[in-house]
Amino acid sequence: MGMEEERGPERGGARTGGDFEIRIKGRVGQAFRTAFAELTVTVNPPETVLHGAGLDQAALYGILDRIQALGLELVEVRRLPGGAGGTGPGLGSPA
């Protein structure tokens, strides 16, 4: 069932992480980059792109919480194709 795919490893025992690309408006300086040490950070003006591999939902939401707490403007979050969590719904652009 679809509900089982959307839940964490406690349901299926399989790795549910995926590769994600997170875009933030503007250039993020070195001080902010330390807050995202587990991610690859690329400045691609006018945005900063964060790339995370094998992120589960808890890790993704933790990153999104940090972005908000730092006052950064979130532009887009997308699941990249071919990640470990290829099944189930991904996150799209904020409305």
PDB file of N, CA and C in Angstrom:
ATOM      1  N   MET A   1       0.825  -1.190   0.000  1.00  0.00           N
ATOM      2  CA  MET A   1       0.000   0.000   0.000  1.00  0.00           C
ATOM      3  C   MET A   1       0.862   1.244   0.000  1.00  0.00           C
ATOM      4  N   GLY A   2       0.335   2.321  -0.517  1.00  0.00           N
ATOM      5  CA  GLY A   2       1.075   3.571  -0.602  1.00  0.00           C
ATOM      6  C   GLY A   2       1.481   4.134   0.741  1.00  0.00           C
ATOM      7  N   MET A   3       0.649   3.946   1.749  1.00  0.00           N
ATOM      8  CA  MET A   3       0.971   4.475   3.069  1.00  0.00           C
ATOM      9  C   MET A   3       2.247   3.861   3.615  1.00  0.00           C
ATOM     10  N   GLU A   4       2.490   2.602   3.356  1.00  0.00           N
ATOM     11  CA  GLU A   4       3.696   1.956   3.838  1.00  0.00           C
ATOM     12  C   GLU A   4       4.940   2.522   3.172  1.00  0.00           C
ATOM     13  N   GLU A   5       4.856   2.894   1.915  1.00  0.00           N
ATOM     14  CA  GLU A   5       5.994   3.460   1.215  1.00  0.00           C
ATOM     15  C   GLU A   5       6.361   4.826   1.753  1.00  0.00           C
ATOM     16  N   GLU A   6       5.401   5.578   2.241  1.00  0.00           N
ATOM     17  CA  GLU A   6       5.642   6.930   2.698  1.00  0.00           C
ATOM     18  C   GLU A   6       6.231   6.980   4.100  1.00  0.00           C
ATOM     19  N   ARG A   7       6.126   5.907   4.843  1.00  0.00           N
ATOM     20  CA  ARG A   7       6.615   5.882   6.208  1.00  0.00           C
ATOM     21  C   ARG A   7       8.081   5.500   6.235  1.00  0.00           C
ATOM     22  N   GLY A   8       8.712   5.726   7.369  1.00  0.00           N
ATOM     23  CA  GLY A   8      10.135   5.475   7.533  1.00  0.00           C
ATOM     24  C   GLY A   8      10.492   4.002   7.559  1.00  0.00           C
ATOM     25  N   PRO A   9      11.729   3.698   7.911  1.00  0.00           N
ATOM     26  CA  PRO A   9      12.233   2.332   7.860  1.00  0.00           C
ATOM     27  C   PRO A   9      11.509   1.382   8.801  1.00  0.00           C
ATOM     28  N   GLU A  10      10.766   1.915   9.782  1.00  0.00           N
ATOM     29  CA  GLU A  10      10.048   1.036  10.694  1.00  0.00           C
ATOM     30  C   GLU A  10       8.966   0.241   9.972  1.00  0.00           C
ATOM     31  N   ARG A  11       8.541   0.664   8.796  1.00  0.00           N
ATOM     32  CA  ARG A  11       7.485  -0.023   8.049  1.00  0.00           C
ATOM     33  C   ARG A  11       8.051  -1.097   7.138  1.00  0.00           C
ATOM     34  N   GLY A  12       9.012  -0.763   6.328  1.00  0.00           N
ATOM     35  CA  GLY A  12       9.479  -1.721   5.345  1.00  0.00           C
ATOM     36  C   GLY A  12      10.872  -2.251   5.623  1.00  0.00           C
ATOM     37  N   GLY A  13      11.612  -1.615   6.516  1.00  0.00           N
ATOM     38  CA  GLY A  13      12.960  -2.032   6.809  1.00  0.00           C
ATOM     39  C   GLY A  13      13.953  -1.596   5.743  1.00  0.00           C
ATOM     40  N   ALA A  14      13.496  -1.094   4.603  1.00  0.00           N
ATOM     41  CA  ALA A  14      14.384  -0.663   3.535  1.00  0.00           C
ATOM     42  C   ALA A  14      14.819   0.777   3.757  1.00  0.00           C
ATOM     43  N   ARG A  15      15.946   1.111   3.211  1.00  0.00           N
ATOM     44  CA  ARG A  15      16.437   2.483   3.267  1.00  0.00           C
ATOM     45  C   ARG A  15      15.490   3.371   2.491  1.00  0.00           C
ATOM     46  N   THR A  16      15.032   4.440   3.118  1.00  0.00           N
ATOM     47  CA  THR A  16      14.048   5.297   2.474  1.00  0.00           C
ATOM     48  C   THR A  16      14.635   6.642   2.079  1.00  0.00           C
ATOM     49  N   GLY A  17      15.928   6.820   2.241  1.00  0.00           N
ATOM     50  CA  GLY A  17      16.558   8.095   1.926  1.00  0.00           C
ATOM     51  C   GLY A  17      16.606   8.343   0.431  1.00  0.00           C
ATOM     52  N   GLY A  18      16.813   9.590   0.082  1.00  0.00           N
ATOM     53  CA  GLY A  18      16.922   9.969  -1.314  1.00  0.00           C
ATOM     54  C   GLY A  18      17.915  11.097  -1.477  1.00  0.00           C
ATOM     55  N   ASP A  19      18.229  11.413  -2.697  1.00  0.00           N
ATOM     56  CA  ASP A  19      19.109  12.532  -3.000  1.00  0.00           C
ATOM     57  C   ASP A  19      18.240  13.748  -3.278  1.00  0.00           C
ATOM     58  N   PHE A  20      18.580  14.858  -2.642  1.00  0.00           N
ATOM     59  CA  PHE A  20      17.780  16.073  -2.754  1.00  0.00           C
ATOM     60  C   PHE A  20      18.641  17.255  -3.151  1.00  0.00           C
ATOM     61  N   GLU A  21      18.022  18.162  -3.876  1.00  0.00           N
ATOM     62  CA  GLU A  21      18.624  19.446  -4.221  1.00  0.00           C
ATOM     63  C   GLU A  21      17.744  20.521  -3.595  1.00  0.00           C
ATOM     64  N   ILE A  22      18.370  21.400  -2.830  1.00  0.00           N
ATOM     65  CA  ILE A  22      17.660  22.461  -2.120  1.00  0.00           C
ATOM     66  C   ILE A  22      18.245  23.788  -2.584  1.00  0.00           C
ATOM     67  N   ARG A  23      17.389  24.661  -3.092  1.00  0.00           N
ATOM     68  CA  ARG A  23      17.847  25.964  -3.588  1.00  0.00           C
ATOM     69  C   ARG A  23      17.420  27.060  -2.622  1.00  0.00           C
ATOM     70  N   ILE A  24      18.387  27.929  -2.304  1.00  0.00           N
ATOM     71  CA  ILE A  24      18.175  29.049  -1.393  1.00  0.00           C
ATOM     72  C   ILE A  24      18.481  30.328  -2.153  1.00  0.00           C
ATOM     73  N   LYS A  25      17.662  31.340  -1.947  1.00  0.00           N
ATOM     74  CA  LYS A  25      17.870  32.618  -2.621  1.00  0.00           C
ATOM     75  C   LYS A  25      19.116  33.306  -2.069  1.00  0.00           C
ATOM     76  N   GLY A  26      19.925  33.811  -2.975  1.00  0.00           N
ATOM     77  CA  GLY A  26      21.119  34.560  -2.593  1.00  0.00           C
ATOM     78  C   GLY A  26      22.337  33.675  -2.389  1.00  0.00           C
ATOM     79  N   ARG A  27      23.425  34.335  -2.008  1.00  0.00           N
ATOM     80  CA  ARG A  27      24.683  33.637  -1.756  1.00  0.00           C
ATOM     81  C   ARG A  27      24.819  33.395  -0.260  1.00  0.00           C
ATOM     82  N   VAL A  28      25.096  32.161   0.095  1.00  0.00           N
ATOM     83  CA  VAL A  28      25.274  31.812   1.493  1.00  0.00           C
ATOM     84  C   VAL A  28      26.770  31.869   1.797  1.00  0.00           C
ATOM     85  N   GLY A  29      27.135  32.655   2.797  1.00  0.00           N
ATOM     86  CA  GLY A  29      28.538  32.821   3.163  1.00  0.00           C
ATOM     87  C   GLY A  29      29.082  31.640   3.944  1.00  0.00           C
ATOM     88  N   GLN A  30      30.381  31.693   4.237  1.00  0.00           N
ATOM     89  CA  GLN A  30      31.064  30.603   4.927  1.00  0.00           C
ATOM     90  C   GLN A  30      30.452  30.314   6.294  1.00  0.00           C
ATOM     91  N   ALA A  31      30.033  31.333   7.016  1.00  0.00           N
ATOM     92  CA  ALA A  31      29.434  31.124   8.341  1.00  0.00           C
ATOM     93  C   ALA A  31      28.168  30.272   8.239  1.00  0.00           C
ATOM     94  N   PHE A  32      27.364  30.496   7.213  1.00  0.00           N
ATOM     95  CA  PHE A  32      26.152  29.715   7.032  1.00  0.00           C
ATOM     96  C   PHE A  32      26.470  28.307   6.523  1.00  0.00           C
ATOM     97  N   ARG A  33      27.540  28.174   5.760  1.00  0.00           N
ATOM     98  CA  ARG A  33      27.889  26.854   5.212  1.00  0.00           C
ATOM     99  C   ARG A  33      28.198  25.851   6.307  1.00  0.00           C
ATOM    100  N   THR A  34      28.739  26.311   7.427  1.00  0.00           N
ATOM    101  CA  THR A  34      29.044  25.390   8.518  1.00  0.00           C
ATOM    102  C   THR A  34      27.772  24.772   9.096  1.00  0.00           C
ATOM    103  N   ALA A  35      26.651  25.461   8.965  1.00  0.00           N
ATOM    104  CA  ALA A  35      25.373  24.925   9.437  1.00  0.00           C
ATOM    105  C   ALA A  35      24.886  23.779   8.559  1.00  0.00           C
ATOM    106  N   PHE A  36      25.480  23.632   7.386  1.00  0.00           N
ATOM    107  CA  PHE A  36      25.076  22.598   6.434  1.00  0.00           C
ATOM    108  C   PHE A  36      26.269  21.714   6.070  1.00  0.00           C
ATOM    109  N   ALA A  37      27.059  21.353   7.064  1.00  0.00           N
ATOM    110  CA  ALA A  37      28.294  20.606   6.829  1.00  0.00           C
ATOM    111  C   ALA A  37      28.063  19.252   6.161  1.00  0.00           C
ATOM    112  N   GLU A  38      26.895  18.644   6.379  1.00  0.00           N
ATOM    113  CA  GLU A  38      26.612  17.331   5.802  1.00  0.00           C
ATOM    114  C   GLU A  38      26.188  17.402   4.340  1.00  0.00           C
ATOM    115  N   LEU A  39      26.077  18.619   3.799  1.00  0.00           N
ATOM    116  CA  LEU A  39      25.632  18.827   2.423  1.00  0.00           C
ATOM    117  C   LEU A  39      26.755  19.387   1.563  1.00  0.00           C
ATOM    118  N   THR A  40      26.637  19.189   0.269  1.00  0.00           N
ATOM    119  CA  THR A  40      27.523  19.851  -0.682  1.00  0.00           C
ATOM    120  C   THR A  40      26.891  21.201  -0.993  1.00  0.00           C
ATOM    121  N   VAL A  41      27.658  22.277  -0.817  1.00  0.00           N
ATOM    122  CA  VAL A  41      27.144  23.630  -1.025  1.00  0.00           C
ATOM    123  C   VAL A  41      27.810  24.219  -2.260  1.00  0.00           C
ATOM    124  N   THR A  42      26.991  24.676  -3.211  1.00  0.00           N
ATOM    125  CA  THR A  42      27.482  25.291  -4.439  1.00  0.00           C
ATOM    126  C   THR A  42      26.783  26.635  -4.618  1.00  0.00           C
ATOM    127  N   VAL A  43      27.577  27.686  -4.820  1.00  0.00           N
ATOM    128  CA  VAL A  43      26.985  28.991  -5.105  1.00  0.00           C
ATOM    129  C   VAL A  43      26.820  29.091  -6.609  1.00  0.00           C
ATOM    130  N   ASN A  44      25.575  29.287  -7.018  1.00  0.00           N
ATOM    131  CA  ASN A  44      25.217  29.389  -8.429  1.00  0.00           C
ATOM    132  C   ASN A  44      24.340  30.629  -8.555  1.00  0.00           C
ATOM    133  N   PRO A  45      24.985  31.837  -8.601  1.00  0.00           N
ATOM    134  CA  PRO A  45      24.209  33.088  -8.555  1.00  0.00           C
ATOM    135  C   PRO A  45      23.020  33.061  -9.506  1.00  0.00           C
ATOM    136  N   PRO A  46      21.893  33.506  -9.061  1.00  0.00           N
ATOM    137  CA  PRO A  46      21.602  34.225  -7.810  1.00  0.00           C
ATOM    138  C   PRO A  46      21.187  33.326  -6.651  1.00  0.00           C
ATOM    139  N   GLU A  47      21.536  32.035  -6.687  1.00  0.00           N
ATOM    140  CA  GLU A  47      21.090  31.101  -5.657  1.00  0.00           C
ATOM    141  C   GLU A  47      22.271  30.327  -5.088  1.00  0.00           C
ATOM    142  N   THR A  48      22.025  29.723  -3.941  1.00  0.00           N
ATOM    143  CA  THR A  48      22.941  28.745  -3.374  1.00  0.00           C
ATOM    144  C   THR A  48      22.232  27.404  -3.452  1.00  0.00           C
ATOM    145  N   VAL A  49      22.938  26.399  -3.925  1.00  0.00           N
ATOM    146  CA  VAL A  49      22.357  25.068  -4.099  1.00  0.00           C
ATOM    147  C   VAL A  49      22.990  24.128  -3.075  1.00  0.00           C
ATOM    148  N   LEU A  50      22.128  23.481  -2.301  1.00  0.00           N
ATOM    149  CA  LEU A  50      22.564  22.478  -1.339  1.00  0.00           C
ATOM    150  C   LEU A  50      22.195  21.114  -1.899  1.00  0.00           C
ATOM    151  N   HIS A  51      23.131  20.176  -1.855  1.00  0.00           N
ATOM    152  CA  HIS A  51      22.854  18.834  -2.355  1.00  0.00           C
ATOM    153  C   HIS A  51      23.103  17.851  -1.229  1.00  0.00           C
ATOM    154  N   GLY A  52      22.098  17.034  -0.949  1.00  0.00           N
ATOM    155  CA  GLY A  52      22.218  16.013   0.087  1.00  0.00           C
ATOM    156  C   GLY A  52      21.964  14.641  -0.484  1.00  0.00           C
ATOM    157  N   ALA A  53      22.824  13.700  -0.162  1.00  0.00           N
ATOM    158  CA  ALA A  53      22.681  12.333  -0.658  1.00  0.00           C
ATOM    159  C   ALA A  53      22.204  11.428   0.467  1.00  0.00           C
ATOM    160  N   GLY A  54      21.248  10.561   0.150  1.00  0.00           N
ATOM    161  CA  GLY A  54      20.757   9.576   1.101  1.00  0.00           C
ATOM    162  C   GLY A  54      20.025  10.168   2.289  1.00  0.00           C
ATOM    163  N   LEU A  55      19.333  11.279   2.076  1.00  0.00           N
ATOM    164  CA  LEU A  55      18.607  11.926   3.171  1.00  0.00           C
ATOM    165  C   LEU A  55      17.250  11.265   3.397  1.00  0.00           C
ATOM    166  N   ASP A  56      16.949  10.945   4.649  1.00  0.00           N
ATOM    167  CA  ASP A  56      15.609  10.467   4.956  1.00  0.00           C
ATOM    168  C   ASP A  56      14.740  11.679   5.306  1.00  0.00           C
ATOM    169  N   GLN A  57      13.460  11.450   5.572  1.00  0.00           N
ATOM    170  CA  GLN A  57      12.557  12.578   5.831  1.00  0.00           C
ATOM    171  C   GLN A  57      12.972  13.383   7.049  1.00  0.00           C
ATOM    172  N   ALA A  58      13.412  12.717   8.114  1.00  0.00           N
ATOM    173  CA  ALA A  58      13.811  13.429   9.326  1.00  0.00           C
ATOM    174  C   ALA A  58      14.988  14.356   9.046  1.00  0.00           C
ATOM    175  N   ALA A  59      15.973  13.879   8.288  1.00  0.00           N
ATOM    176  CA  ALA A  59      17.129  14.708   7.948  1.00  0.00           C
ATOM    177  C   ALA A  59      16.708  15.885   7.075  1.00  0.00           C
ATOM    178  N   LEU A  60      15.841  15.627   6.101  1.00  0.00           N
ATOM    179  CA  LEU A  60      15.374  16.686   5.217  1.00  0.00           C
ATOM    180  C   LEU A  60      14.645  17.773   5.997  1.00  0.00           C
ATOM    181  N   TYR A  61      13.729  17.369   6.886  1.00  0.00           N
ATOM    182  CA  TYR A  61      12.998  18.359   7.672  1.00  0.00           C
ATOM    183  C   TYR A  61      13.922  19.116   8.620  1.00  0.00           C
ATOM    184  N   GLY A  62      14.950  18.460   9.129  1.00  0.00           N
ATOM    185  CA  GLY A  62      15.931  19.143   9.969  1.00  0.00           C
ATOM    186  C   GLY A  62      16.669  20.234   9.203  1.00  0.00           C
ATOM    187  N   ILE A  63      17.026  19.941   7.961  1.00  0.00           N
ATOM    188  CA  ILE A  63      17.695  20.928   7.107  1.00  0.00           C
ATOM    189  C   ILE A  63      16.758  22.090   6.814  1.00  0.00           C
ATOM    190  N   LEU A  64      15.509  21.780   6.501  1.00  0.00           N
ATOM    191  CA  LEU A  64      14.536  22.837   6.222  1.00  0.00           C
ATOM    192  C   LEU A  64      14.307  23.712   7.463  1.00  0.00           C
ATOM    193  N   ASP A  65      14.310  23.111   8.652  1.00  0.00           N
ATOM    194  CA  ASP A  65      14.186  23.885   9.887  1.00  0.00           C
ATOM    195  C   ASP A  65      15.368  24.830  10.067  1.00  0.00           C
ATOM    196  N   ARG A  66      16.583  24.352   9.758  1.00  0.00           N
ATOM    197  CA  ARG A  66      17.777  25.208   9.856  1.00  0.00           C
ATOM    198  C   ARG A  66      17.705  26.374   8.880  1.00  0.00           C
ATOM    199  N   ILE A  67      17.237  26.104   7.670  1.00  0.00           N
ATOM    200  CA  ILE A  67      17.097  27.171   6.671  1.00  0.00           C
ATOM    201  C   ILE A  67      16.165  28.248   7.202  1.00  0.00           C
ATOM    202  N   GLN A  68      15.048  27.838   7.766  1.00  0.00           N
ATOM    203  CA  GLN A  68      14.086  28.798   8.310  1.00  0.00           C
ATOM    204  C   GLN A  68      14.666  29.544   9.509  1.00  0.00           C
ATOM    205  N   ALA A  69      15.316  28.828  10.415  1.00  0.00           N
ATOM    206  CA  ALA A  69      15.881  29.448  11.618  1.00  0.00           C
ATOM    207  C   ALA A  69      16.957  30.480  11.279  1.00  0.00           C
ATOM    208  N   LEU A  70      17.675  30.261  10.190  1.00  0.00           N
ATOM    209  CA  LEU A  70      18.721  31.192   9.770  1.00  0.00           C
ATOM    210  C   LEU A  70      18.166  32.363   8.958  1.00  0.00           C
ATOM    211  N   GLY A  71      16.865  32.353   8.703  1.00  0.00           N
ATOM    212  CA  GLY A  71      16.238  33.447   7.968  1.00  0.00           C
ATOM    213  C   GLY A  71      16.525  33.432   6.476  1.00  0.00           C
ATOM    214  N   LEU A  72      16.875  32.259   5.942  1.00  0.00           N
ATOM    215  CA  LEU A  72      17.161  32.139   4.518  1.00  0.00           C
ATOM    216  C   LEU A  72      15.866  31.889   3.758  1.00  0.00           C
ATOM    217  N   GLU A  73      15.822  32.344   2.516  1.00  0.00           N
ATOM    218  CA  GLU A  73      14.618  32.166   1.699  1.00  0.00           C
ATOM    219  C   GLU A  73      14.739  30.913   0.846  1.00  0.00           C
ATOM    220  N   LEU A  74      13.853  29.966   1.108  1.00  0.00           N
ATOM    221  CA  LEU A  74      13.813  28.718   0.366  1.00  0.00           C
ATOM    222  C   LEU A  74      13.174  28.955  -0.993  1.00  0.00           C
ATOM    223  N   VAL A  75      13.845  28.510  -2.048  1.00  0.00           N
ATOM    224  CA  VAL A  75      13.331  28.672  -3.407  1.00  0.00           C
ATOM    225  C   VAL A  75      12.718  27.371  -3.904  1.00  0.00           C
ATOM    226  N   GLU A  76      13.418  26.249  -3.677  1.00  0.00           N
ATOM    227  CA  GLU A  76      12.944  24.977  -4.232  1.00  0.00           C
ATOM    228  C   GLU A  76      13.577  23.810  -3.484  1.00  0.00           C
ATOM    229  N   VAL A  77      12.821  22.737  -3.363  1.00  0.00           N
ATOM    230  CA  VAL A  77      13.319  21.459  -2.865  1.00  0.00           C
ATOM    231  C   VAL A  77      12.873  20.403  -3.859  1.00  0.00           C
ATOM    232  N   ARG A  78      13.807  19.596  -4.336  1.00  0.00           N
ATOM    233  CA  ARG A  78      13.394  18.516  -5.234  1.00  0.00           C
ATOM    234  C   ARG A  78      14.202  17.261  -5.001  1.00  0.00           C
ATOM    235  N   ARG A  79      13.500  16.154  -5.169  1.00  0.00           N
ATOM    236  CA  ARG A  79      14.152  14.851  -5.083  1.00  0.00           C
ATOM    237  C   ARG A  79      14.791  14.589  -6.436  1.00  0.00           C
ATOM    238  N   LEU A  80      16.045  14.210  -6.420  1.00  0.00           N
ATOM    239  CA  LEU A  80      16.749  13.930  -7.658  1.00  0.00           C
ATOM    240  C   LEU A  80      16.486  12.490  -8.094  1.00  0.00           C
ATOM    241  N   PRO A  81      16.373  12.272  -9.391  1.00  0.00           N
ATOM    242  CA  PRO A  81      16.119  10.916  -9.878  1.00  0.00           C
ATOM    243  C   PRO A  81      17.298   9.999  -9.581  1.00  0.00           C
ATOM    244  N   GLY A  82      16.973   8.734  -9.373  1.00  0.00           N
ATOM    245  CA  GLY A  82      18.031   7.750  -9.175  1.00  0.00           C
ATOM    246  C   GLY A  82      18.500   7.613  -7.748  1.00  0.00           C
ATOM    247  N   GLY A  83      17.897   8.348  -6.810  1.00  0.00           N
ATOM    248  CA  GLY A  83      18.284   8.228  -5.410  1.00  0.00           C
ATOM    249  C   GLY A  83      17.758   6.938  -4.819  1.00  0.00           C
ATOM    250  N   ALA A  84      18.169   6.653  -3.598  1.00  0.00           N
ATOM    251  CA  ALA A  84      17.775   5.419  -2.922  1.00  0.00           C
ATOM    252  C   ALA A  84      16.276   5.373  -2.660  1.00  0.00           C
ATOM    253  N   GLY A  85      15.642   6.528  -2.548  1.00  0.00           N
ATOM    254  CA  GLY A  85      14.211   6.558  -2.260  1.00  0.00           C
ATOM    255  C   GLY A  85      13.397   6.828  -3.494  1.00  0.00           C
ATOM    256  N   GLY A  86      13.656   6.131  -4.564  1.00  0.00           N
ATOM    257  CA  GLY A  86      13.003   6.384  -5.834  1.00  0.00           C
ATOM    258  C   GLY A  86      11.505   6.133  -5.860  1.00  0.00           C
ATOM    259  N   THR A  87      10.969   5.415  -4.872  1.00  0.00           N
ATOM    260  CA  THR A  87       9.531   5.188  -4.856  1.00  0.00           C
ATOM    261  C   THR A  87       8.872   6.143  -3.894  1.00  0.00           C
ATOM    262  N   GLY A  88       7.606   6.374  -4.095  1.00  0.00           N
ATOM    263  CA  GLY A  88       6.863   7.266  -3.213  1.00  0.00           C
ATOM    264  C   GLY A  88       6.953   8.683  -3.700  1.00  0.00           C
ATOM    265  N   PRO A  89       6.135   9.555  -3.120  1.00  0.00           N
ATOM    266  CA  PRO A  89       6.084  10.943  -3.566  1.00  0.00           C
ATOM    267  C   PRO A  89       7.305  11.721  -3.124  1.00  0.00           C
ATOM    268  N   GLY A  90       7.752  12.647  -3.955  1.00  0.00           N
ATOM    269  CA  GLY A  90       8.848  13.539  -3.598  1.00  0.00           C
ATOM    270  C   GLY A  90       8.291  14.884  -3.207  1.00  0.00           C
ATOM    271  N   LEU A  91       9.153  15.787  -2.843  1.00  0.00           N
ATOM    272  CA  LEU A  91       8.727  17.145  -2.522  1.00  0.00           C
ATOM    273  C   LEU A  91       8.960  18.012  -3.726  1.00  0.00           C
ATOM    274  N   GLY A  92       8.048  18.887  -4.002  1.00  0.00           N
ATOM    275  CA  GLY A  92       8.181  19.787  -5.138  1.00  0.00           C
ATOM    276  C   GLY A  92       8.471  21.192  -4.681  1.00  0.00           C
ATOM    277  N   SER A  93       8.356  22.111  -5.565  1.00  0.00           N
ATOM    278  CA  SER A  93       8.582  23.514  -5.267  1.00  0.00           C
ATOM    279  C   SER A  93       7.548  24.024  -4.288  1.00  0.00           C
ATOM    280  N   PRO A  94       7.935  24.964  -3.405  1.00  0.00           N
ATOM    281  CA  PRO A  94       6.932  25.539  -2.518  1.00  0.00           C
ATOM    282  C   PRO A  94       5.916  26.329  -3.322  1.00  0.00           C
ATOM    283  N   ALA A  95       4.678  26.308  -2.883  1.00  0.00           N
ATOM    284  CA  ALA A  95       3.603  26.993  -3.606  1.00  0.00           C
ATOM    285  C   ALA A  95       3.633  28.476  -3.389  1.00  0.00           C
TER     286      ALA A  95
END
